[in-house]
Amino acid sequence: MDTRAAARRWAETWERGWRALDPSEIVALYDEGALFLSSPFRPPEPPRDYVERVFGEEESAECDFGEPAIDGDRAAVEWCATTRLRDGGGEKLAGVSLLRFDGEGRVVEQRDFWNLA
């Protein structure tokens, strides 16, 4: 498995899916039993549950993902986003996702760290 290629695929898929508010391709990136922590102080949840819930709260999203930093089967990817929420609010976020991939390039662990502007 090429970790750099897997991490780039992850970033490109997230960017495309988030902008379209379409979780289908994003969910396919993850191993069935993947550990997904959307924030250090939230309990783990299945990637599908998280993405469907959050995209359901958003009306639109503009986002950008940086070049992955790689170490073995792990990657760190910086990202930022501006979202418009269905309740009329909005958010500006900046964060990093720490990823671990299996031998087939699927995410088996994701830990996100982010902040609101």
PDB file of N, CA and C in Angstrom:
ATOM      1  N   MET A   1       0.833  -1.176   0.000  1.00  0.00           N
ATOM      2  CA  MET A   1       0.000   0.000   0.000  1.00  0.00           C
ATOM      3  C   MET A   1       0.883   1.247   0.000  1.00  0.00           C
ATOM      4  N   ASP A   2       0.506   2.201  -0.791  1.00  0.00           N
ATOM      5  CA  ASP A   2       1.194   3.485  -0.865  1.00  0.00           C
ATOM      6  C   ASP A   2       0.425   4.473   0.017  1.00  0.00           C
ATOM      7  N   THR A   3       0.979   4.788   1.184  1.00  0.00           N
ATOM      8  CA  THR A   3       0.287   5.657   2.138  1.00  0.00           C
ATOM      9  C   THR A   3       0.039   7.037   1.552  1.00  0.00           C
ATOM     10  N   ARG A   4       0.995   7.572   0.825  1.00  0.00           N
ATOM     11  CA  ARG A   4       0.806   8.898   0.236  1.00  0.00           C
ATOM     12  C   ARG A   4      -0.386   8.895  -0.721  1.00  0.00           C
ATOM     13  N   ALA A   5      -0.494   7.884  -1.555  1.00  0.00           N
ATOM     14  CA  ALA A   5      -1.625   7.803  -2.488  1.00  0.00           C
ATOM     15  C   ALA A   5      -2.946   7.639  -1.727  1.00  0.00           C
ATOM     16  N   ALA A   6      -2.945   6.821  -0.671  1.00  0.00           N
ATOM     17  CA  ALA A   6      -4.161   6.626   0.124  1.00  0.00           C
ATOM     18  C   ALA A   6      -4.573   7.932   0.799  1.00  0.00           C
ATOM     19  N   ALA A   7      -3.608   8.675   1.326  1.00  0.00           N
ATOM     20  CA  ALA A   7      -3.912   9.936   2.006  1.00  0.00           C
ATOM     21  C   ALA A   7      -4.388  10.994   1.019  1.00  0.00           C
ATOM     22  N   ARG A   8      -3.791  11.044  -0.142  1.00  0.00           N
ATOM     23  CA  ARG A   8      -4.261  11.993  -1.162  1.00  0.00           C
ATOM     24  C   ARG A   8      -5.675  11.640  -1.604  1.00  0.00           C
ATOM     25  N   ARG A   9      -5.948  10.350  -1.788  1.00  0.00           N
ATOM     26  CA  ARG A   9      -7.300   9.912  -2.153  1.00  0.00           C
ATOM     27  C   ARG A   9      -8.284  10.313  -1.063  1.00  0.00           C
ATOM     28  N   TRP A  10      -7.892  10.128   0.210  1.00  0.00           N
ATOM     29  CA  TRP A  10      -8.749  10.521   1.332  1.00  0.00           C
ATOM     30  C   TRP A  10      -9.061  12.015   1.253  1.00  0.00           C
ATOM     31  N   ALA A  11      -8.023  12.861   1.089  1.00  0.00           N
ATOM     32  CA  ALA A  11      -8.206  14.317   1.056  1.00  0.00           C
ATOM     33  C   ALA A  11      -9.062  14.747  -0.133  1.00  0.00           C
ATOM     34  N   GLU A  12      -8.791  14.209  -1.308  1.00  0.00           N
ATOM     35  CA  GLU A  12      -9.557  14.572  -2.502  1.00  0.00           C
ATOM     36  C   GLU A  12     -11.015  14.139  -2.378  1.00  0.00           C
ATOM     37  N   THR A  13     -11.242  12.963  -1.810  1.00  0.00           N
ATOM     38  CA  THR A  13     -12.607  12.462  -1.644  1.00  0.00           C
ATOM     39  C   THR A  13     -13.367  13.279  -0.620  1.00  0.00           C
ATOM     40  N   TRP A  14     -12.717  13.599   0.490  1.00  0.00           N
ATOM     41  CA  TRP A  14     -13.365  14.440   1.500  1.00  0.00           C
ATOM     42  C   TRP A  14     -13.688  15.813   0.914  1.00  0.00           C
ATOM     43  N   GLU A  15     -12.753  16.422   0.197  1.00  0.00           N
ATOM     44  CA  GLU A  15     -13.000  17.750  -0.367  1.00  0.00           C
ATOM     45  C   GLU A  15     -14.190  17.720  -1.328  1.00  0.00           C
ATOM     46  N   ARG A  16     -14.222  16.760  -2.215  1.00  0.00           N
ATOM     47  CA  ARG A  16     -15.314  16.635  -3.188  1.00  0.00           C
ATOM     48  C   ARG A  16     -16.642  16.331  -2.488  1.00  0.00           C
ATOM     49  N   GLY A  17     -16.623  15.375  -1.557  1.00  0.00           N
ATOM     50  CA  GLY A  17     -17.838  14.978  -0.866  1.00  0.00           C
ATOM     51  C   GLY A  17     -18.383  16.046   0.052  1.00  0.00           C
ATOM     52  N   TRP A  18     -17.505  16.760   0.748  1.00  0.00           N
ATOM     53  CA  TRP A  18     -17.958  17.805   1.662  1.00  0.00           C
ATOM     54  C   TRP A  18     -18.588  18.952   0.882  1.00  0.00           C
ATOM     55  N   ARG A  19     -17.949  19.361  -0.219  1.00  0.00           N
ATOM     56  CA  ARG A  19     -18.507  20.444  -1.033  1.00  0.00           C
ATOM     57  C   ARG A  19     -19.883  20.071  -1.584  1.00  0.00           C
ATOM     58  N   ALA A  20     -20.071  18.807  -1.916  1.00  0.00           N
ATOM     59  CA  ALA A  20     -21.351  18.330  -2.460  1.00  0.00           C
ATOM     60  C   ALA A  20     -22.324  17.898  -1.361  1.00  0.00           C
ATOM     61  N   LEU A  21     -21.852  17.879  -0.116  1.00  0.00           N
ATOM     62  CA  LEU A  21     -22.627  17.360   1.026  1.00  0.00           C
ATOM     63  C   LEU A  21     -23.151  15.963   0.728  1.00  0.00           C
ATOM     64  N   ASP A  22     -22.264  15.161   0.132  1.00  0.00           N
ATOM     65  CA  ASP A  22     -22.593  13.788  -0.252  1.00  0.00           C
ATOM     66  C   ASP A  22     -21.656  12.829   0.482  1.00  0.00           C
ATOM     67  N   PRO A  23     -22.177  12.093   1.457  1.00  0.00           N
ATOM     68  CA  PRO A  23     -21.314  11.212   2.256  1.00  0.00           C
ATOM     69  C   PRO A  23     -20.923   9.894   1.589  1.00  0.00           C
ATOM     70  N   SER A  24     -21.524   9.521   0.478  1.00  0.00           N
ATOM     71  CA  SER A  24     -21.360   8.167  -0.064  1.00  0.00           C
ATOM     72  C   SER A  24     -19.902   7.798  -0.353  1.00  0.00           C
ATOM     73  N   GLU A  25     -19.176   8.633  -1.086  1.00  0.00           N
ATOM     74  CA  GLU A  25     -17.780   8.308  -1.398  1.00  0.00           C
ATOM     75  C   GLU A  25     -16.899   8.371  -0.158  1.00  0.00           C
ATOM     76  N   ILE A  26     -17.196   9.304   0.733  1.00  0.00           N
ATOM     77  CA  ILE A  26     -16.411   9.446   1.950  1.00  0.00           C
ATOM     78  C   ILE A  26     -16.513   8.186   2.794  1.00  0.00           C
ATOM     79  N   VAL A  27     -17.698   7.699   3.001  1.00  0.00           N
ATOM     80  CA  VAL A  27     -17.918   6.511   3.831  1.00  0.00           C
ATOM     81  C   VAL A  27     -17.158   5.310   3.272  1.00  0.00           C
ATOM     82  N   ALA A  28     -17.034   5.215   1.965  1.00  0.00           N
ATOM     83  CA  ALA A  28     -16.335   4.098   1.332  1.00  0.00           C
ATOM     84  C   ALA A  28     -14.837   4.094   1.609  1.00  0.00           C
ATOM     85  N   LEU A  29     -14.284   5.191   2.126  1.00  0.00           N
ATOM     86  CA  LEU A  29     -12.850   5.265   2.438  1.00  0.00           C
ATOM     87  C   LEU A  29     -12.467   4.458   3.678  1.00  0.00           C
ATOM     88  N   TYR A  30     -13.450   4.108   4.514  1.00  0.00           N
ATOM     89  CA  TYR A  30     -13.188   3.570   5.848  1.00  0.00           C
ATOM     90  C   TYR A  30     -13.410   2.066   5.926  1.00  0.00           C
ATOM     91  N   ASP A  31     -12.534   1.413   6.697  1.00  0.00           N
ATOM     92  CA  ASP A  31     -12.722   0.020   7.053  1.00  0.00           C
ATOM     93  C   ASP A  31     -13.974  -0.079   7.928  1.00  0.00           C
ATOM     94  N   GLU A  32     -14.652  -1.185   7.876  1.00  0.00           N
ATOM     95  CA  GLU A  32     -15.907  -1.351   8.607  1.00  0.00           C
ATOM     96  C   GLU A  32     -15.760  -1.073  10.105  1.00  0.00           C
ATOM     97  N   GLY A  33     -14.663  -1.463  10.699  1.00  0.00           N
ATOM     98  CA  GLY A  33     -14.472  -1.271  12.138  1.00  0.00           C
ATOM     99  C   GLY A  33     -13.602  -0.086  12.494  1.00  0.00           C
ATOM    100  N   ALA A  34     -13.506   0.892  11.610  1.00  0.00           N
ATOM    101  CA  ALA A  34     -12.600   2.026  11.821  1.00  0.00           C
ATOM    102  C   ALA A  34     -12.931   2.794  13.101  1.00  0.00           C
ATOM    103  N   LEU A  35     -11.873   3.212  13.800  1.00  0.00           N
ATOM    104  CA  LEU A  35     -12.008   4.107  14.950  1.00  0.00           C
ATOM    105  C   LEU A  35     -12.077   5.524  14.398  1.00  0.00           C
ATOM    106  N   PHE A  36     -13.146   6.251  14.722  1.00  0.00           N
ATOM    107  CA  PHE A  36     -13.344   7.604  14.210  1.00  0.00           C
ATOM    108  C   PHE A  36     -13.652   8.526  15.372  1.00  0.00           C
ATOM    109  N   LEU A  37     -12.729   9.456  15.634  1.00  0.00           N
ATOM    110  CA  LEU A  37     -12.913  10.457  16.687  1.00  0.00           C
ATOM    111  C   LEU A  37     -12.949  11.829  16.024  1.00  0.00           C
ATOM    112  N   SER A  38     -14.109  12.453  16.013  1.00  0.00           N
ATOM    113  CA  SER A  38     -14.267  13.738  15.334  1.00  0.00           C
ATOM    114  C   SER A  38     -13.731  14.900  16.152  1.00  0.00           C
ATOM    115  N   SER A  39     -13.430  14.662  17.408  1.00  0.00           N
ATOM    116  CA  SER A  39     -12.895  15.678  18.301  1.00  0.00           C
ATOM    117  C   SER A  39     -12.319  14.960  19.516  1.00  0.00           C
ATOM    118  N   PRO A  40     -11.285  15.517  20.156  1.00  0.00           N
ATOM    119  CA  PRO A  40     -10.678  14.821  21.299  1.00  0.00           C
ATOM    120  C   PRO A  40     -11.641  14.555  22.455  1.00  0.00           C
ATOM    121  N   PHE A  41     -12.697  15.341  22.583  1.00  0.00           N
ATOM    122  CA  PHE A  41     -13.582  15.206  23.736  1.00  0.00           C
ATOM    123  C   PHE A  41     -14.940  14.609  23.394  1.00  0.00           C
ATOM    124  N   ARG A  42     -15.054  14.031  22.218  1.00  0.00           N
ATOM    125  CA  ARG A  42     -16.283  13.340  21.824  1.00  0.00           C
ATOM    126  C   ARG A  42     -16.015  11.843  21.807  1.00  0.00           C
ATOM    127  N   PRO A  43     -17.051  11.051  22.067  1.00  0.00           N
ATOM    128  CA  PRO A  43     -16.852   9.598  21.981  1.00  0.00           C
ATOM    129  C   PRO A  43     -16.687   9.168  20.525  1.00  0.00           C
ATOM    130  N   PRO A  44     -16.041   8.026  20.291  1.00  0.00           N
ATOM    131  CA  PRO A  44     -15.932   7.517  18.925  1.00  0.00           C
ATOM    132  C   PRO A  44     -17.315   7.215  18.366  1.00  0.00           C
ATOM    133  N   GLU A  45     -17.432   7.319  17.059  1.00  0.00           N
ATOM    134  CA  GLU A  45     -18.673   6.947  16.380  1.00  0.00           C
ATOM    135  C   GLU A  45     -18.324   6.412  15.003  1.00  0.00           C
ATOM    136  N   PRO A  46     -19.210   5.640  14.397  1.00  0.00           N
ATOM    137  CA  PRO A  46     -18.937   5.158  13.044  1.00  0.00           C
ATOM    138  C   PRO A  46     -18.820   6.334  12.071  1.00  0.00           C
ATOM    139  N   PRO A  47     -17.876   6.281  11.143  1.00  0.00           N
ATOM    140  CA  PRO A  47     -17.712   7.376  10.185  1.00  0.00           C
ATOM    141  C   PRO A  47     -19.023   7.738   9.480  1.00  0.00           C
ATOM    142  N   ARG A  48     -19.795   6.747   9.071  1.00  0.00           N
ATOM    143  CA  ARG A  48     -21.066   7.009   8.383  1.00  0.00           C
ATOM    144  C   ARG A  48     -21.990   7.867   9.252  1.00  0.00           C
ATOM    145  N   ASP A  49     -22.129   7.512  10.522  1.00  0.00           N
ATOM    146  CA  ASP A  49     -23.019   8.254  11.418  1.00  0.00           C
ATOM    147  C   ASP A  49     -22.584   9.712  11.524  1.00  0.00           C
ATOM    148  N   TYR A  50     -21.288   9.926  11.683  1.00  0.00           N
ATOM    149  CA  TYR A  50     -20.772  11.286  11.813  1.00  0.00           C
ATOM    150  C   TYR A  50     -21.032  12.097  10.547  1.00  0.00           C
ATOM    151  N   VAL A  51     -20.629  11.578   9.411  1.00  0.00           N
ATOM    152  CA  VAL A  51     -20.725  12.335   8.158  1.00  0.00           C
ATOM    153  C   VAL A  51     -22.184  12.624   7.813  1.00  0.00           C
ATOM    154  N   GLU A  52     -23.050  11.650   7.939  1.00  0.00           N
ATOM    155  CA  GLU A  52     -24.457  11.874   7.615  1.00  0.00           C
ATOM    156  C   GLU A  52     -25.080  12.905   8.557  1.00  0.00           C
ATOM    157  N   ARG A  53     -24.750  12.850   9.829  1.00  0.00           N
ATOM    158  CA  ARG A  53     -25.300  13.810  10.793  1.00  0.00           C
ATOM    159  C   ARG A  53     -24.827  15.231  10.491  1.00  0.00           C
ATOM    160  N   VAL A  54     -23.519  15.395  10.312  1.00  0.00           N
ATOM    161  CA  VAL A  54     -22.955  16.729  10.099  1.00  0.00           C
ATOM    162  C   VAL A  54     -23.402  17.308   8.760  1.00  0.00           C
ATOM    163  N   PHE A  55     -23.363  16.534   7.693  1.00  0.00           N
ATOM    164  CA  PHE A  55     -23.796  17.043   6.390  1.00  0.00           C
ATOM    165  C   PHE A  55     -25.276  17.402   6.420  1.00  0.00           C
ATOM    166  N   GLY A  56     -26.061  16.703   7.227  1.00  0.00           N
ATOM    167  CA  GLY A  56     -27.476  17.013   7.365  1.00  0.00           C
ATOM    168  C   GLY A  56     -27.721  18.364   8.024  1.00  0.00           C
ATOM    169  N   GLU A  57     -26.749  18.865   8.771  1.00  0.00           N
ATOM    170  CA  GLU A  57     -26.864  20.168   9.442  1.00  0.00           C
ATOM    171  C   GLU A  57     -26.388  21.312   8.552  1.00  0.00           C
ATOM    172  N   GLU A  58     -25.722  20.987   7.448  1.00  0.00           N
ATOM    173  CA  GLU A  58     -25.111  22.013   6.610  1.00  0.00           C
ATOM    174  C   GLU A  58     -25.916  22.257   5.336  1.00  0.00           C
ATOM    175  N   GLU A  59     -25.904  23.513   4.915  1.00  0.00           N
ATOM    176  CA  GLU A  59     -26.544  23.904   3.663  1.00  0.00           C
ATOM    177  C   GLU A  59     -25.517  23.965   2.533  1.00  0.00           C
ATOM    178  N   SER A  60     -24.293  24.381   2.873  1.00  0.00           N
ATOM    179  CA  SER A  60     -23.216  24.436   1.886  1.00  0.00           C
ATOM    180  C   SER A  60     -21.876  24.405   2.613  1.00  0.00           C
ATOM    181  N   ALA A  61     -20.826  24.061   1.864  1.00  0.00           N
ATOM    182  CA  ALA A  61     -19.479  24.004   2.442  1.00  0.00           C
ATOM    183  C   ALA A  61     -18.447  24.299   1.364  1.00  0.00           C
ATOM    184  N   GLU A  62     -17.475  25.111   1.733  1.00  0.00           N
ATOM    185  CA  GLU A  62     -16.277  25.336   0.928  1.00  0.00           C
ATOM    186  C   GLU A  62     -15.113  24.847   1.778  1.00  0.00           C
ATOM    187  N   CYS A  63     -14.255  24.012   1.215  1.00  0.00           N
ATOM    188  CA  CYS A  63     -13.176  23.445   2.003  1.00  0.00           C
ATOM    189  C   CYS A  63     -11.937  23.232   1.152  1.00  0.00           C
ATOM    190  N   ASP A  64     -10.816  23.168   1.825  1.00  0.00           N
ATOM    191  CA  ASP A  64      -9.530  22.906   1.182  1.00  0.00           C
ATOM    192  C   ASP A  64      -8.734  21.970   2.074  1.00  0.00           C
ATOM    193  N   PHE A  65      -8.014  21.051   1.456  1.00  0.00           N
ATOM    194  CA  PHE A  65      -7.192  20.081   2.160  1.00  0.00           C
ATOM    195  C   PHE A  65      -5.754  20.211   1.700  1.00  0.00           C
ATOM    196  N   GLY A  66      -4.825  20.159   2.652  1.00  0.00           N
ATOM    197  CA  GLY A  66      -3.409  20.300   2.348  1.00  0.00           C
ATOM    198  C   GLY A  66      -2.764  19.003   1.902  1.00  0.00           C
ATOM    199  N   GLU A  67      -1.488  19.114   1.593  1.00  0.00           N
ATOM    200  CA  GLU A  67      -0.682  17.951   1.201  1.00  0.00           C
ATOM    201  C   GLU A  67      -0.420  17.091   2.438  1.00  0.00           C
ATOM    202  N   PRO A  68      -0.684  15.797   2.365  1.00  0.00           N
ATOM    203  CA  PRO A  68      -0.472  14.921   3.529  1.00  0.00           C
ATOM    204  C   PRO A  68       0.996  14.825   3.935  1.00  0.00           C
ATOM    205  N   ALA A  69       1.213  14.772   5.243  1.00  0.00           N
ATOM    206  CA  ALA A  69       2.520  14.435   5.803  1.00  0.00           C
ATOM    207  C   ALA A  69       2.455  12.952   6.163  1.00  0.00           C
ATOM    208  N   ILE A  70       3.442  12.173   5.729  1.00  0.00           N
ATOM    209  CA  ILE A  70       3.379  10.709   5.812  1.00  0.00           C
ATOM    210  C   ILE A  70       4.456  10.167   6.740  1.00  0.00           C
ATOM    211  N   ASP A  71       4.097   9.122   7.496  1.00  0.00           N
ATOM    212  CA  ASP A  71       5.054   8.367   8.305  1.00  0.00           C
ATOM    213  C   ASP A  71       4.553   6.931   8.376  1.00  0.00           C
ATOM    214  N   GLY A  72       5.152   6.056   7.598  1.00  0.00           N
ATOM    215  CA  GLY A  72       4.725   4.654   7.565  1.00  0.00           C
ATOM    216  C   GLY A  72       3.299   4.532   7.064  1.00  0.00           C
ATOM    217  N   ASP A  73       2.427   3.915   7.882  1.00  0.00           N
ATOM    218  CA  ASP A  73       1.026   3.739   7.488  1.00  0.00           C
ATOM    219  C   ASP A  73       0.146   4.876   7.999  1.00  0.00           C
ATOM    220  N   ARG A  74       0.771   5.962   8.443  1.00  0.00           N
ATOM    221  CA  ARG A  74       0.037   7.099   9.030  1.00  0.00           C
ATOM    222  C   ARG A  74       0.226   8.360   8.191  1.00  0.00           C
ATOM    223  N   ALA A  75      -0.785   9.233   8.300  1.00  0.00           N
ATOM    224  CA  ALA A  75      -0.722  10.521   7.601  1.00  0.00           C
ATOM    225  C   ALA A  75      -1.392  11.580   8.458  1.00  0.00           C
ATOM    226  N   ALA A  76      -0.948  12.812   8.286  1.00  0.00           N
ATOM    227  CA  ALA A  76      -1.594  13.974   8.887  1.00  0.00           C
ATOM    228  C   ALA A  76      -1.975  14.891   7.726  1.00  0.00           C
ATOM    229  N   VAL A  77      -3.239  15.337   7.736  1.00  0.00           N
ATOM    230  CA  VAL A  77      -3.726  16.195   6.655  1.00  0.00           C
ATOM    231  C   VAL A  77      -4.388  17.420   7.271  1.00  0.00           C
ATOM    232  N   GLU A  78      -3.855  18.599   6.916  1.00  0.00           N
ATOM    233  CA  GLU A  78      -4.436  19.859   7.371  1.00  0.00           C
ATOM    234  C   GLU A  78      -5.609  20.217   6.466  1.00  0.00           C
ATOM    235  N   TRP A  79      -6.632  20.844   7.045  1.00  0.00           N
ATOM    236  CA  TRP A  79      -7.800  21.250   6.263  1.00  0.00           C
ATOM    237  C   TRP A  79      -8.441  22.489   6.877  1.00  0.00           C
ATOM    238  N   CYS A  80      -9.242  23.180   6.069  1.00  0.00           N
ATOM    239  CA  CYS A  80     -10.041  24.305   6.554  1.00  0.00           C
ATOM    240  C   CYS A  80     -11.356  24.318   5.783  1.00  0.00           C
ATOM    241  N   ALA A  81     -12.382  24.902   6.407  1.00  0.00           N
ATOM    242  CA  ALA A  81     -13.701  24.917   5.777  1.00  0.00           C
ATOM    243  C   ALA A  81     -14.504  26.108   6.280  1.00  0.00           C
ATOM    244  N   THR A  82     -15.385  26.573   5.413  1.00  0.00           N
ATOM    245  CA  THR A  82     -16.407  27.550   5.765  1.00  0.00           C
ATOM    246  C   THR A  82     -17.735  26.924   5.397  1.00  0.00           C
ATOM    247  N   THR A  83     -18.606  26.797   6.385  1.00  0.00           N
ATOM    248  CA  THR A  83     -19.892  26.154   6.137  1.00  0.00           C
ATOM    249  C   THR A  83     -21.027  27.116   6.442  1.00  0.00           C
ATOM    250  N   ARG A  84     -22.118  26.915   5.728  1.00  0.00           N
ATOM    251  CA  ARG A  84     -23.366  27.615   6.023  1.00  0.00           C
ATOM    252  C   ARG A  84     -24.321  26.548   6.535  1.00  0.00           C
ATOM    253  N   LEU A  85     -24.891  26.806   7.706  1.00  0.00           N
ATOM    254  CA  LEU A  85     -25.746  25.824   8.359  1.00  0.00           C
ATOM    255  C   LEU A  85     -27.212  26.037   7.995  1.00  0.00           C
ATOM    256  N   ARG A  86     -27.981  24.964   8.059  1.00  0.00           N
ATOM    257  CA  ARG A  86     -29.409  25.031   7.730  1.00  0.00           C
ATOM    258  C   ARG A  86     -30.180  25.930   8.697  1.00  0.00           C
ATOM    259  N   ASP A  87     -29.673  26.113   9.905  1.00  0.00           N
ATOM    260  CA  ASP A  87     -30.363  26.959  10.879  1.00  0.00           C
ATOM    261  C   ASP A  87     -30.043  28.439  10.693  1.00  0.00           C
ATOM    262  N   GLY A  88     -29.313  28.779   9.618  1.00  0.00           N
ATOM    263  CA  GLY A  88     -28.975  30.165   9.335  1.00  0.00           C
ATOM    264  C   GLY A  88     -27.601  30.581   9.820  1.00  0.00           C
ATOM    265  N   GLY A  89     -26.975  29.777  10.635  1.00  0.00           N
ATOM    266  CA  GLY A  89     -25.637  30.084  11.142  1.00  0.00           C
ATOM    267  C   GLY A  89     -24.558  29.692  10.154  1.00  0.00           C
ATOM    268  N   GLY A  90     -23.342  29.836  10.596  1.00  0.00           N
ATOM    269  CA  GLY A  90     -22.206  29.446   9.778  1.00  0.00           C
ATOM    270  C   GLY A  90     -21.016  29.148  10.662  1.00  0.00           C
ATOM    271  N   GLU A  91     -20.031  28.483  10.086  1.00  0.00           N
ATOM    272  CA  GLU A  91     -18.827  28.127  10.830  1.00  0.00           C
ATOM    273  C   GLU A  91     -17.608  28.282   9.934  1.00  0.00           C
ATOM    274  N   LYS A  92     -16.510  28.718  10.542  1.00  0.00           N
ATOM    275  CA  LYS A  92     -15.190  28.678   9.911  1.00  0.00           C
ATOM    276  C   LYS A  92     -14.367  27.749  10.767  1.00  0.00           C
ATOM    277  N   LEU A  93     -13.858  26.698  10.146  1.00  0.00           N
ATOM    278  CA  LEU A  93     -13.111  25.684  10.869  1.00  0.00           C
ATOM    279  C   LEU A  93     -11.721  25.527  10.270  1.00  0.00           C
ATOM    280  N   ALA A  94     -10.774  25.180  11.121  1.00  0.00           N
ATOM    281  CA  ALA A  94      -9.432  24.803  10.679  1.00  0.00           C
ATOM    282  C   ALA A  94      -9.008  23.624  11.528  1.00  0.00           C
ATOM    283  N   GLY A  95      -8.433  22.607  10.885  1.00  0.00           N
ATOM    284  CA  GLY A  95      -8.066  21.430  11.648  1.00  0.00           C
ATOM    285  C   GLY A  95      -7.055  20.554  10.954  1.00  0.00           C
ATOM    286  N   VAL A  96      -6.800  19.440  11.606  1.00  0.00           N
ATOM    287  CA  VAL A  96      -5.928  18.413  11.050  1.00  0.00           C
ATOM    288  C   VAL A  96      -6.536  17.060  11.382  1.00  0.00           C
ATOM    289  N   SER A  97      -6.451  16.150  10.431  1.00  0.00           N
ATOM    290  CA  SER A  97      -6.893  14.778  10.636  1.00  0.00           C
ATOM    291  C   SER A  97      -5.671  13.878  10.669  1.00  0.00           C
ATOM    292  N   LEU A  98      -5.569  13.093  11.733  1.00  0.00           N
ATOM    293  CA  LEU A  98      -4.508  12.098  11.861  1.00  0.00           C
ATOM    294  C   LEU A  98      -5.102  10.768  11.452  1.00  0.00           C
ATOM    295  N   LEU A  99      -4.503  10.138  10.445  1.00  0.00           N
ATOM    296  CA  LEU A  99      -5.065   8.950   9.808  1.00  0.00           C
ATOM    297  C   LEU A  99      -4.105   7.775   9.892  1.00  0.00           C
ATOM    298  N   ARG A 100      -4.672   6.578   9.997  1.00  0.00           N
ATOM    299  CA  ARG A 100      -3.894   5.339   9.861  1.00  0.00           C
ATOM    300  C   ARG A 100      -4.626   4.463   8.865  1.00  0.00           C
ATOM    301  N   PHE A 101      -3.858   3.874   7.940  1.00  0.00           N
ATOM    302  CA  PHE A 101      -4.425   3.095   6.844  1.00  0.00           C
ATOM    303  C   PHE A 101      -4.072   1.620   6.980  1.00  0.00           C
ATOM    304  N   ASP A 102      -4.957   0.760   6.470  1.00  0.00           N
ATOM    305  CA  ASP A 102      -4.642  -0.666   6.410  1.00  0.00           C
ATOM    306  C   ASP A 102      -3.862  -0.951   5.123  1.00  0.00           C
ATOM    307  N   GLY A 103      -3.543  -2.201   4.889  1.00  0.00           N
ATOM    308  CA  GLY A 103      -2.749  -2.598   3.736  1.00  0.00           C
ATOM    309  C   GLY A 103      -3.420  -2.350   2.400  1.00  0.00           C
ATOM    310  N   GLU A 104      -4.733  -2.131   2.406  1.00  0.00           N
ATOM    311  CA  GLU A 104      -5.463  -1.871   1.163  1.00  0.00           C
ATOM    312  C   GLU A 104      -5.812  -0.391   0.996  1.00  0.00           C
ATOM    313  N   GLY A 105      -5.283   0.449   1.883  1.00  0.00           N
ATOM    314  CA  GLY A 105      -5.490   1.880   1.755  1.00  0.00           C
ATOM    315  C   GLY A 105      -6.779   2.408   2.367  1.00  0.00           C
ATOM    316  N   ARG A 106      -7.467   1.589   3.156  1.00  0.00           N
ATOM    317  CA  ARG A 106      -8.670   2.056   3.854  1.00  0.00           C
ATOM    318  C   ARG A 106      -8.286   2.639   5.206  1.00  0.00           C
ATOM    319  N   VAL A 107      -9.044   3.626   5.652  1.00  0.00           N
ATOM    320  CA  VAL A 107      -8.785   4.245   6.950  1.00  0.00           C
ATOM    321  C   VAL A 107      -9.252   3.298   8.050  1.00  0.00           C
ATOM    322  N   VAL A 108      -8.346   2.984   8.984  1.00  0.00           N
ATOM    323  CA  VAL A 108      -8.711   2.167  10.142  1.00  0.00           C
ATOM    324  C   VAL A 108      -8.742   2.997  11.420  1.00  0.00           C
ATOM    325  N   GLU A 109      -8.186   4.207  11.358  1.00  0.00           N
ATOM    326  CA  GLU A 109      -8.208   5.088  12.515  1.00  0.00           C
ATOM    327  C   GLU A 109      -8.130   6.534  12.033  1.00  0.00           C
ATOM    328  N   GLN A 110      -9.009   7.377  12.575  1.00  0.00           N
ATOM    329  CA  GLN A 110      -8.978   8.810  12.292  1.00  0.00           C
ATOM    330  C   GLN A 110      -9.238   9.561  13.583  1.00  0.00           C
ATOM    331  N   ARG A 111      -8.364  10.510  13.862  1.00  0.00           N
ATOM    332  CA  ARG A 111      -8.506  11.410  15.007  1.00  0.00           C
ATOM    333  C   ARG A 111      -8.413  12.832  14.491  1.00  0.00           C
ATOM    334  N   ASP A 112      -9.475  13.596  14.706  1.00  0.00           N
ATOM    335  CA  ASP A 112      -9.513  14.978  14.222  1.00  0.00           C
ATOM    336  C   ASP A 112      -9.288  15.958  15.377  1.00  0.00           C
ATOM    337  N   PHE A 113      -8.561  17.012  15.064  1.00  0.00           N
ATOM    338  CA  PHE A 113      -8.319  18.120  15.974  1.00  0.00           C
ATOM    339  C   PHE A 113      -8.629  19.385  15.184  1.00  0.00           C
ATOM    340  N   TRP A 114      -9.546  20.202  15.695  1.00  0.00           N
ATOM    341  CA  TRP A 114      -9.970  21.381  14.937  1.00  0.00           C
ATOM    342  C   TRP A 114     -10.397  22.489  15.892  1.00  0.00           C
ATOM    343  N   ASN A 115     -10.570  23.677  15.311  1.00  0.00           N
ATOM    344  CA  ASN A 115     -10.995  24.830  16.076  1.00  0.00           C
ATOM    345  C   ASN A 115     -11.916  25.694  15.213  1.00  0.00           C
ATOM    346  N   LEU A 116     -12.821  26.423  15.876  1.00  0.00           N
ATOM    347  CA  LEU A 116     -13.695  27.380  15.208  1.00  0.00           C
ATOM    348  C   LEU A 116     -13.064  28.748  15.241  1.00  0.00           C
ATOM    349  N   ALA A 117     -13.210  29.496  14.142  1.00  0.00           N
ATOM    350  CA  ALA A 117     -12.716  30.877  14.119  1.00  0.00           C
ATOM    351  C   ALA A 117     -13.660  31.767  14.899  1.00  0.00           C
TER     352      ALA A 117
END
